[in-house]
Protein backbone atom coordinates (compact mmCIF):
# COMPACT_ATOMS: atom_id res chain seq x y z
CA MET A 1 142.05 -3.30 -182.12
CA ARG A 2 141.21 -6.18 -184.48
CA GLY A 3 144.88 -7.09 -184.90
CA SER A 4 145.39 -7.41 -181.17
CA LEU A 5 142.10 -9.28 -180.82
CA GLU A 6 143.08 -11.75 -183.57
CA ARG A 7 146.29 -12.63 -181.69
CA ASP A 8 144.36 -13.11 -178.42
CA LEU A 9 141.79 -15.27 -180.18
CA LEU A 10 144.45 -17.41 -181.83
CA ASP A 11 146.10 -17.96 -178.43
CA TRP A 12 142.71 -18.79 -176.93
CA LEU A 13 141.96 -21.38 -179.61
CA ARG A 14 145.30 -23.15 -179.08
CA ILE A 15 144.53 -23.71 -175.37
CA THR A 16 142.56 -26.76 -174.22
CA PRO A 17 138.89 -25.85 -173.50
CA GLU A 18 139.15 -26.43 -169.74
CA SER A 19 142.14 -24.04 -169.46
CA ARG A 20 140.86 -21.14 -171.58
CA PHE A 21 140.76 -17.63 -170.14
CA LYS A 22 137.86 -15.18 -170.16
CA PHE A 23 138.51 -12.26 -172.49
CA MET A 24 137.58 -8.79 -171.14
CA LEU A 25 137.72 -5.53 -173.11
CA PHE A 26 137.92 -2.23 -171.20
CA ALA A 27 136.89 1.04 -172.88
CA LYS A 28 136.53 4.58 -171.59
CA LYS A 29 133.67 5.39 -173.96
CA LEU A 30 131.63 3.23 -176.33
CA ILE A 31 130.48 4.85 -179.58
CA ASN A 32 127.37 3.44 -181.27
CA PRO A 33 126.47 0.89 -178.57
CA THR A 34 123.99 -0.80 -180.91
CA ARG A 35 126.78 -2.07 -183.14
CA TRP A 36 128.75 -3.22 -180.10
CA GLU A 37 125.72 -5.25 -179.00
CA LEU A 38 125.74 -7.20 -182.31
CA VAL A 39 129.22 -8.56 -181.58
CA TRP A 40 129.75 -8.34 -177.83
CA GLY A 41 126.24 -8.16 -176.39
CA ASN A 42 123.19 -10.37 -175.94
CA ASN A 43 122.22 -9.93 -179.62
CA ILE A 44 125.34 -11.67 -180.95
CA THR A 45 124.93 -13.98 -183.93
CA GLU A 46 127.41 -16.26 -185.66
CA SER A 47 127.41 -14.22 -188.88
CA SER A 48 127.75 -10.83 -187.16
CA ALA A 49 130.72 -12.00 -185.05
CA LEU A 50 132.55 -13.64 -187.98
CA ASP A 51 131.84 -10.76 -190.38
CA TRP A 52 133.22 -8.22 -187.86
CA LEU A 53 136.28 -10.36 -187.08
CA THR A 54 137.29 -11.07 -190.69
CA LYS A 55 136.42 -7.69 -192.24
CA ASP A 56 140.05 -6.47 -192.51
CA THR A 57 141.99 -9.71 -192.07
CA ASP A 58 144.01 -11.42 -194.76
CA GLU A 59 142.40 -14.26 -196.72
CA GLU A 60 144.31 -17.06 -194.97
CA THR A 61 143.40 -15.89 -191.46
CA GLY A 62 139.79 -15.33 -192.47
CA GLN A 63 139.50 -18.86 -193.85
CA TYR A 64 141.06 -20.22 -190.61
CA PHE A 65 138.41 -18.56 -188.47
CA ARG A 66 135.59 -19.64 -190.82
CA GLU A 67 136.45 -23.33 -190.94
CA PRO A 68 133.26 -25.22 -190.04
CA THR A 69 134.93 -27.05 -187.13
CA ARG A 70 136.18 -23.78 -185.68
CA GLN A 71 133.25 -21.36 -186.17
CA ARG A 72 131.43 -22.57 -183.07
CA GLU A 73 134.53 -22.01 -180.90
CA VAL A 74 135.00 -18.50 -182.32
CA VAL A 75 131.41 -17.60 -181.50
CA SER A 76 131.87 -19.10 -178.00
CA PHE A 77 134.83 -16.77 -177.50
CA PHE A 78 132.69 -13.70 -178.27
CA SER A 79 129.70 -14.88 -176.24
CA GLN A 80 131.86 -15.44 -173.14
CA ALA A 81 133.78 -12.18 -173.51
CA ALA A 82 132.82 -9.04 -171.59
CA VAL A 83 133.08 -5.35 -172.46
CA VAL A 84 133.46 -2.95 -169.52
CA GLU A 85 132.90 0.79 -170.02
CA GLY A 86 134.42 3.23 -167.54
CA THR A 87 137.17 5.66 -166.69
CA ASP A 88 140.45 4.73 -165.08
CA LEU A 89 139.02 5.58 -161.66
CA ASP A 90 135.90 3.49 -162.26
CA LEU A 91 137.98 0.50 -163.27
CA THR A 92 140.32 0.93 -160.30
CA ASP A 93 137.37 1.10 -157.89
CA THR A 94 135.81 -2.00 -159.44
CA ALA A 95 139.07 -3.92 -159.22
CA SER A 96 139.52 -2.87 -155.60
CA GLU A 97 135.99 -3.96 -154.72
CA LYS A 98 136.48 -7.36 -156.36
CA ARG A 99 139.74 -7.72 -154.47
CA ARG A 100 138.00 -6.92 -151.17
CA VAL A 101 135.28 -9.47 -151.93
CA GLY A 102 137.92 -12.05 -152.71
CA LEU A 103 139.83 -11.32 -149.52
CA SER A 104 136.59 -11.46 -147.53
CA ALA A 105 135.78 -14.88 -148.97
CA ASN A 106 139.28 -16.07 -148.19
CA GLU A 107 139.00 -14.71 -144.65
CA ILE A 108 135.75 -16.59 -144.07
CA ARG A 109 137.35 -19.78 -145.32
CA ARG A 110 140.44 -19.19 -143.20
CA ARG A 111 138.36 -18.63 -140.06
CA ALA A 112 136.25 -21.71 -140.77
CA LEU A 113 139.37 -23.84 -141.10
CA ARG A 114 140.71 -22.37 -137.86
CA GLN A 115 137.47 -23.22 -136.04
CA ILE A 116 137.67 -26.80 -137.32
CA GLU A 117 141.23 -26.99 -136.08
CA LEU A 118 140.23 -25.67 -132.63
CA MET A 119 137.30 -28.10 -132.40
CA ASP A 120 139.62 -30.96 -133.24
CA GLN A 121 142.08 -29.74 -130.61
CA ARG A 122 139.39 -29.53 -127.90
CA SER A 123 138.22 -33.04 -128.71
CA ARG A 124 141.56 -34.24 -127.35
CA PRO A 125 141.72 -33.32 -123.63
CA ILE A 126 144.98 -32.27 -122.02
CA PRO A 127 146.56 -35.19 -120.08
CA LYS A 128 146.51 -33.42 -116.72
CA LYS A 129 144.59 -34.31 -113.55
CA SER A 130 141.52 -32.21 -113.03
CA GLU A 131 138.38 -31.87 -110.92
CA LEU A 132 135.16 -31.20 -112.84
CA ILE A 133 132.29 -29.57 -110.96
CA ALA A 134 128.87 -30.39 -112.41
CA ASN A 135 125.69 -28.34 -112.16
CA LEU A 136 124.14 -31.24 -110.24
CA LEU A 137 123.44 -30.75 -106.53
CA ARG A 138 123.44 -34.02 -104.61
CA LEU A 139 120.13 -34.97 -103.02
CA ASN A 140 119.08 -37.64 -100.55
CA PRO A 141 115.27 -37.88 -100.91
CA PRO A 142 113.02 -38.90 -98.01
CA SER A 143 113.22 -42.61 -97.27
CA LYS A 144 109.50 -43.13 -96.49
CA TYR A 145 106.25 -41.97 -98.09
CA ALA A 146 102.62 -42.12 -97.01
CA GLU A 147 99.97 -43.50 -99.34
CA LEU A 148 96.58 -41.98 -98.48
CA SER A 149 93.08 -42.83 -99.63
CA VAL A 150 90.92 -39.82 -100.54
CA GLU A 151 88.08 -41.65 -102.28
CA ASN A 152 85.47 -38.91 -101.86
CA HIS A 153 87.31 -36.28 -103.91
CA SER A 154 88.41 -35.86 -107.52
CA ILE A 155 91.92 -34.79 -108.46
CA GLN A 156 90.72 -31.30 -109.43
CA GLY A 157 88.70 -31.01 -106.26
CA ILE A 158 91.67 -31.96 -104.08
CA GLN A 159 93.88 -29.40 -105.83
CA ASN A 160 91.30 -26.68 -105.26
CA MET A 161 90.89 -27.56 -101.57
CA LEU A 162 94.65 -27.61 -100.90
CA ARG A 163 95.61 -24.62 -103.06
CA HIS A 164 96.00 -22.09 -100.24
CA ARG A 165 96.93 -24.49 -97.44
CA ASP A 166 100.44 -24.99 -96.06
CA THR A 167 100.88 -28.66 -96.93
CA ALA A 168 103.84 -30.88 -97.58
CA PRO A 169 104.55 -31.82 -101.20
CA TYR A 170 102.03 -34.31 -102.57
CA TYR A 171 101.28 -36.20 -105.76
CA LEU A 172 97.95 -37.47 -107.07
CA PRO A 173 98.72 -40.53 -109.23
CA GLU A 174 95.04 -41.38 -109.74
CA ASN A 175 91.59 -40.65 -108.39
CA GLY A 176 91.33 -41.63 -104.75
CA ARG A 177 95.09 -41.77 -104.14
CA LEU A 178 97.46 -39.17 -102.64
CA ILE A 179 101.19 -39.66 -102.08
CA THR A 180 103.07 -37.44 -99.62
CA LEU A 181 105.98 -37.57 -97.20
CA ASP A 182 105.68 -39.92 -94.24
CA HIS A 183 106.60 -37.24 -91.72
CA GLU A 184 104.82 -36.35 -88.47
CA SER A 185 104.44 -32.71 -89.56
CA THR A 186 102.61 -33.53 -92.80
CA ARG A 187 99.41 -35.19 -91.60
CA ALA A 188 97.62 -32.10 -90.28
CA GLY A 189 97.82 -30.35 -93.63
CA PHE A 190 95.56 -32.96 -95.28
CA ASP A 191 92.91 -33.22 -92.52
CA ILE A 192 90.43 -31.30 -94.68
CA LEU A 193 90.30 -34.33 -97.00
CA ASN A 194 89.54 -36.83 -94.20
CA PRO A 195 92.14 -39.23 -95.60
CA ALA A 196 92.71 -42.84 -94.60
CA GLN A 197 96.27 -44.10 -94.63
CA LEU A 198 96.68 -47.14 -96.83
CA GLY A 199 100.29 -47.79 -95.91
CA THR A 200 103.85 -46.60 -95.98
CA LEU A 201 106.14 -46.95 -98.98
CA THR A 202 109.93 -47.03 -99.05
CA LEU A 203 111.73 -45.02 -101.72
CA GLU A 204 112.26 -48.17 -103.79
CA GLN A 205 108.60 -49.20 -103.46
CA LEU A 206 107.48 -45.69 -104.43
CA GLU A 207 109.56 -45.66 -107.61
CA ASP A 208 108.40 -49.16 -108.50
CA LYS A 209 104.67 -48.67 -107.81
CA TYR A 210 104.32 -45.06 -109.04
CA PRO A 211 107.03 -44.34 -111.66
CA GLY A 212 107.79 -40.65 -111.99
CA SER A 213 106.21 -39.80 -108.64
CA LEU A 214 109.54 -38.99 -106.97
CA SER A 215 110.34 -36.44 -109.67
CA ARG A 216 106.99 -34.73 -109.12
CA LEU A 217 107.35 -34.70 -105.35
CA VAL A 218 110.87 -33.23 -105.43
CA ASN A 219 109.95 -30.57 -107.99
CA PHE A 220 106.84 -29.73 -105.94
CA ALA A 221 109.06 -29.39 -102.84
CA ILE A 222 111.47 -27.09 -104.71
CA GLY A 223 108.59 -24.83 -105.72
CA LYS A 224 107.33 -24.65 -102.12
CA ILE A 225 110.84 -23.73 -100.95
CA LEU A 226 111.21 -20.98 -103.54
CA ARG A 227 107.88 -19.15 -103.30
CA PRO A 228 108.28 -17.85 -99.71
CA LEU A 229 111.64 -16.37 -100.76
CA GLY A 230 110.00 -13.96 -103.21
CA VAL A 231 110.55 -16.00 -106.35
CA GLY A 232 108.38 -15.70 -109.45
CA PHE A 233 108.00 -18.15 -112.32
CA SER A 234 107.66 -17.63 -116.06
CA ASN A 235 108.18 -20.00 -119.01
CA GLY A 236 110.00 -22.58 -116.93
CA ARG A 237 112.30 -20.02 -115.33
CA ALA A 238 112.43 -18.86 -111.75
CA TYR A 239 113.55 -15.35 -110.84
CA PHE A 240 113.64 -13.25 -107.67
CA LEU A 241 110.96 -10.59 -107.67
CA ALA A 242 112.18 -7.02 -107.23
CA TYR A 243 109.08 -4.81 -107.32
CA ARG A 244 110.10 -2.67 -104.34
CA GLU A 245 113.71 -2.39 -105.45
CA ALA A 246 112.62 -1.38 -108.97
CA LYS A 247 110.52 1.48 -107.57
CA GLU A 248 113.52 2.66 -105.57
CA GLY A 249 115.88 2.23 -108.53
CA LYS A 250 118.11 -0.17 -106.57
CA PRO A 251 119.26 -3.73 -107.32
CA ARG A 252 118.02 -6.65 -105.25
CA ARG A 253 120.81 -8.52 -103.47
CA LEU A 254 120.58 -11.69 -101.40
CA GLU A 255 122.37 -11.59 -98.05
CA LEU A 256 124.31 -14.83 -97.67
CA GLU A 257 125.36 -16.44 -94.41
CA THR A 258 129.00 -16.18 -95.49
CA GLY A 259 128.71 -12.38 -95.36
CA GLU A 260 128.72 -12.15 -99.15
CA THR A 261 125.89 -10.92 -101.35
CA LEU A 262 124.45 -12.14 -104.65
CA GLN A 263 122.81 -9.62 -106.98
CA VAL A 264 119.72 -11.21 -108.50
CA ALA A 265 117.90 -8.23 -110.06
CA LYS A 266 118.88 -4.81 -111.38
CA PRO A 267 116.56 -2.04 -112.64
CA TYR A 268 117.60 -0.06 -115.72
CA LEU A 269 116.35 3.51 -115.87
CA SER A 270 116.02 5.91 -118.81
CA GLN A 271 116.54 9.69 -118.69
CA ALA A 272 113.38 11.77 -118.37
CA ASN A 273 112.57 13.69 -121.56
CA SER A 274 110.57 16.82 -122.35
CA GLU A 275 109.79 17.61 -125.99
CA ASP A 276 112.63 15.32 -127.11
CA LEU A 277 115.15 17.17 -124.91
CA GLN A 278 116.83 15.62 -121.88
CA VAL A 279 115.84 17.39 -118.68
CA GLU A 280 116.70 17.09 -115.03
CA GLY A 281 114.21 15.07 -113.07
CA PRO A 282 113.27 11.58 -111.93
CA ARG A 283 114.28 8.87 -114.36
CA LYS A 284 111.76 6.39 -115.75
CA LEU A 285 112.03 2.65 -115.18
CA ASN A 286 112.86 1.02 -118.49
CA PHE A 287 113.07 -2.65 -117.49
CA VAL A 288 114.49 -4.92 -114.78
CA PHE A 289 117.14 -7.55 -115.48
CA HIS A 290 116.89 -10.72 -113.38
CA GLN A 291 119.34 -13.56 -112.84
CA ALA A 292 116.99 -16.37 -113.75
CA PHE A 293 117.48 -20.03 -112.94
CA SER A 294 115.84 -23.39 -113.35
CA LEU A 295 115.86 -26.23 -110.84
CA ARG A 296 114.57 -29.73 -111.43
CA TYR A 297 115.02 -33.27 -110.15
CA ARG A 298 117.31 -35.60 -112.09
CA LYS A 299 118.18 -39.24 -111.52
CA LEU A 300 121.53 -40.13 -113.08
CA TRP A 301 123.80 -43.13 -112.51
CA ASP A 302 121.23 -44.39 -109.98
CA GLN A 303 121.81 -41.26 -107.90
CA HIS A 304 119.53 -38.31 -107.10
CA PHE A 305 120.33 -34.69 -107.97
CA VAL A 306 118.84 -31.24 -108.38
CA GLU A 307 119.96 -29.82 -111.71
CA PHE A 308 120.83 -26.09 -111.76
CA ARG A 309 120.62 -24.03 -114.93
CA LEU A 310 121.23 -20.30 -115.05
CA GLY A 311 119.57 -17.90 -117.44
CA LYS A 312 118.16 -14.40 -117.83
CA ALA A 313 114.73 -12.85 -117.35
CA TYR A 314 113.38 -9.36 -117.94
CA THR A 315 110.38 -7.74 -116.30
CA GLN A 316 108.47 -4.49 -116.70
CA ASP A 317 108.48 -3.58 -113.02
CA GLY A 318 110.39 -6.27 -111.17
CA ALA A 319 107.49 -8.72 -111.31
CA ILE A 320 105.59 -8.78 -114.64
CA PRO A 321 107.65 -10.56 -117.33
CA LEU A 322 108.47 -8.82 -120.61
CA GLU A 323 107.54 -10.79 -123.70
CA GLY A 324 107.92 -10.60 -127.45
CA ARG A 325 110.52 -8.82 -129.54
CA SER A 326 111.67 -6.51 -126.74
CA THR A 327 112.88 -9.55 -124.79
CA ALA A 328 114.86 -10.80 -127.80
CA ARG A 329 116.56 -7.40 -128.21
CA LEU A 330 117.48 -7.26 -124.52
CA ASP A 331 118.77 -10.81 -124.61
CA THR A 332 121.11 -9.89 -127.44
CA ARG A 333 122.46 -7.01 -125.36
CA PHE A 334 123.19 -9.15 -122.31
CA ARG A 335 124.50 -12.19 -124.21
CA ASN A 336 128.19 -11.54 -123.63
CA PRO A 337 130.25 -14.70 -123.06
CA ALA A 338 133.09 -12.63 -121.58
CA TRP A 339 130.82 -11.90 -118.58
CA ASP A 340 129.69 -15.50 -118.26
CA ARG A 341 132.72 -17.73 -117.80
CA SER A 342 132.48 -21.14 -116.14
CA GLU A 343 134.08 -19.85 -112.93
CA THR A 344 131.51 -17.06 -112.69
CA ARG A 345 128.64 -19.48 -113.26
CA GLN A 346 129.97 -21.88 -110.67
CA ARG A 347 130.23 -19.17 -108.02
CA LYS A 348 126.70 -18.03 -108.77
CA MET A 349 125.34 -21.57 -108.50
CA GLU A 350 127.16 -22.25 -105.24
CA LYS A 351 125.86 -19.01 -103.70
CA LEU A 352 122.35 -19.73 -104.96
CA ALA A 353 122.38 -23.30 -103.63
CA GLY A 354 123.64 -22.08 -100.25
CA PHE A 355 120.89 -19.48 -100.00
CA LEU A 356 118.07 -21.82 -101.09
CA PHE A 357 118.94 -25.10 -99.42
CA HIS A 358 121.61 -24.60 -96.75
CA SER A 359 120.44 -21.53 -94.84
CA LYS A 360 120.22 -21.91 -91.06
CA ARG A 361 118.72 -18.49 -90.36
CA ARG A 362 115.32 -18.92 -91.96
CA THR A 363 112.38 -20.66 -90.37
CA VAL A 364 111.22 -23.42 -92.71
CA PRO A 365 108.47 -26.08 -92.52
CA ARG A 366 109.57 -29.17 -90.67
CA TRP A 367 108.94 -31.50 -93.63
CA ILE A 368 111.97 -29.95 -95.36
CA GLU A 369 114.08 -31.88 -92.85
CA ALA A 370 113.20 -35.04 -94.78
CA PHE A 371 115.22 -33.76 -97.76
CA ASN A 372 118.97 -33.74 -97.47
CA PHE A 373 120.53 -31.34 -99.98
CA GLY A 374 124.27 -31.80 -100.38
CA ASN A 375 127.00 -30.20 -102.49
CA PHE A 376 127.61 -30.09 -106.21
CA LEU A 377 128.87 -33.26 -107.83
CA ARG A 378 132.66 -33.29 -108.27
CA ILE A 379 134.34 -35.68 -110.68
CA HIS A 380 138.08 -36.38 -110.49
CA THR A 381 139.62 -37.14 -113.88
CA GLU A 382 143.04 -37.81 -115.38
CA TRP A 383 142.47 -35.17 -118.05
CA THR A 384 141.67 -31.47 -118.35
CA PRO A 385 139.39 -30.01 -121.03
CA ASP A 386 140.90 -27.35 -123.27
CA ALA A 387 139.90 -23.77 -122.43
CA VAL A 388 137.44 -22.11 -124.80
CA PRO A 389 137.91 -18.53 -126.07
CA LEU A 390 136.24 -15.58 -124.36
CA ASP A 391 133.75 -15.14 -127.20
CA GLN A 392 132.49 -18.71 -126.93
CA ALA A 393 128.74 -18.56 -126.28
CA VAL A 394 127.03 -20.72 -123.66
CA MET A 395 124.31 -23.10 -124.83
CA ASP A 396 121.91 -21.90 -122.13
CA ASP A 397 121.94 -18.51 -123.86
CA PHE A 398 120.10 -20.01 -126.80
CA GLU A 399 117.96 -22.72 -125.26
CA PHE A 400 116.16 -22.70 -121.93
CA THR A 401 113.58 -25.45 -121.69
CA ASP A 402 112.17 -27.24 -118.67
CA GLU A 403 112.16 -30.84 -119.80
CA GLY A 404 110.16 -33.36 -117.87
CA GLY A 405 111.19 -36.76 -116.64
CA ASP A 406 113.52 -38.01 -113.97
CA GLU A 407 115.97 -39.99 -116.07
């Protein structure tokens, strides 16, 4: 073995340091491992390595290896070498595993480069005319607002007095002031406060005198529209309650004026068990999945909108929200981009907007007439965005916050 090793070492020494190979010795069985450790293991010393190497070599070769300028390189060769003990099968398995690891690393790199290429491609839209539909519902807010004086009541006191009354949306910018819609149907709702009208404000005057008040009034109005429709709220999300449907094991569907339906809640049942065995019998309610959504006022490009965002919610019984780790596990199960394409989302939003704001069958408070809800914003462009793959996740799946502000 020494003769072969000497040739490998001589070749190694002739190569420039940055190009040198790592020497590996494979053996089926090591005899006297302690002696192997002195040369090839962690206990290697300069004298033990050189003594072992030059024991049976000729004088000229021994002097070559022991030259002071070369001894350190010889010891470096032994310290960097590796001895592997194992049968042919063990070595084959190890080689195969290293090959798989190498291929896996190459695959990760290849996929990363492909994703960079796709991102670069999508950053350059296709030169083709297109119509983009935003998640922004056009809104014409009321043009006039009443400014009332309620000097004898605190903000908390007013909120308590009006909590269970059917009033129009209102905003309390400061003690002694109440802002509401200037509509003939709104005055009776605030009689309990004995208010005195200070004046009437136009939309421009309202935004100038009480910044942020329009956002609060519109969001308040949205909440008052939703609650009579059987909508619950949790963590900034709205969802249609389905307590009765959950007890019956049936989904809740909204009947639309177009004759279509929109499923907004679905109970999931588990098989009844007896002593860990499945048995025939009534199934137990596991949880209820809800099509959640978030609506809020936005002012963009000096225009007024209601922003729609879709999401998911889970309840114990169709009403009480699930929280904690169970929600995270369920969210992982339902987070399937293939079910949630842009066309699907757009249809859901259009049906939801039609049911909430454009229904002519329901009886609604007259003050709602002051709000004019339109259609979703459509933008005509000279370009078309590149299509994303089916496994592309939607950002709303990972973030669902109800940010404040109207800008």
